Amino acid sequence: MNNMIWLMRAVKWVRNPPSPKMVKLVFAIIAAGLVMLLLEKLGMWPDWATMDHGRGGRVLR
């Protein structure tokens, strides 16, 4: 059933493709994310931009 939903979405994109401006925007966002990841892996990410604690909280019993 889930495959049918994705197939219908693909048909919709084929009939009405996104504009070149939208494609450039998506690629720019992906590139910005990759640059941030690269900076973090190289150790050049600023300390003020890092989280002190991880995502989410612990569940107390």
Protein backbone atom coordinates (compact mmCIF):
# COMPACT_ATOMS: atom_id res chain seq x y z
CA MET A 1 0.00 0.00 0.00
CA ASN A 2 2.81 2.39 0.83
CA ASN A 3 4.38 1.70 -2.57
CA MET A 4 1.18 2.86 -4.27
CA ILE A 5 1.35 6.20 -2.44
CA TRP A 6 4.93 6.73 -3.60
CA LEU A 7 3.97 5.73 -7.13
CA MET A 8 1.15 8.28 -7.17
CA ARG A 9 3.54 10.95 -5.87
CA ALA A 10 6.03 10.09 -8.63
CA VAL A 11 3.29 10.37 -11.26
CA LYS A 12 2.35 13.78 -9.86
CA TRP A 13 5.98 14.95 -10.12
CA VAL A 14 6.26 13.68 -13.69
CA ARG A 15 3.14 15.56 -14.72
CA ASN A 16 4.07 18.74 -12.84
CA PRO A 17 7.85 18.84 -12.18
CA PRO A 18 9.34 21.33 -9.72
CA SER A 19 10.72 24.57 -11.12
CA PRO A 20 14.49 24.97 -11.62
CA LYS A 21 14.45 27.58 -8.86
CA MET A 22 13.03 25.03 -6.40
CA VAL A 23 15.59 22.42 -7.44
CA LYS A 24 18.41 24.94 -6.86
CA LEU A 25 16.98 25.78 -3.43
CA VAL A 26 16.89 22.12 -2.40
CA PHE A 27 20.47 21.54 -3.58
CA ALA A 28 21.62 24.69 -1.74
CA ILE A 29 20.06 23.44 1.51
CA ILE A 30 21.69 20.02 1.10
CA ALA A 31 25.06 21.66 0.34
CA ALA A 32 24.79 23.89 3.43
CA GLY A 33 24.10 20.84 5.58
CA LEU A 34 27.09 18.99 4.13
CA VAL A 35 29.34 22.00 4.77
CA MET A 36 28.19 22.12 8.40
CA LEU A 37 28.83 18.39 8.77
CA LEU A 38 32.31 18.75 7.25
CA LEU A 39 33.15 21.64 9.58
CA GLU A 40 32.02 19.61 12.57
CA LYS A 41 34.06 16.55 11.53
CA LEU A 42 37.17 18.69 10.99
CA GLY A 43 36.80 20.23 14.45
CA MET A 44 36.23 23.73 13.11
CA TRP A 45 32.63 24.02 14.34
CA PRO A 46 32.32 26.78 17.01
CA ASP A 47 31.66 25.76 20.60
CA TRP A 48 28.71 28.13 20.95
CA ALA A 49 26.90 26.19 18.20
CA THR A 50 27.15 22.77 19.89
CA MET A 51 24.60 21.31 22.27
CA ASP A 52 25.61 20.64 25.87
CA HIS A 53 23.23 17.70 26.14
CA GLY A 54 22.12 15.26 23.50
CA ARG A 55 18.73 15.25 21.84
CA GLY A 56 15.74 14.33 23.92
CA GLY A 57 15.62 13.57 27.58
CA ARG A 58 15.94 10.42 29.55
CA VAL A 59 12.82 8.68 30.71
CA LEU A 60 12.78 8.41 34.48
CA ARG A 61 11.16 5.37 35.98
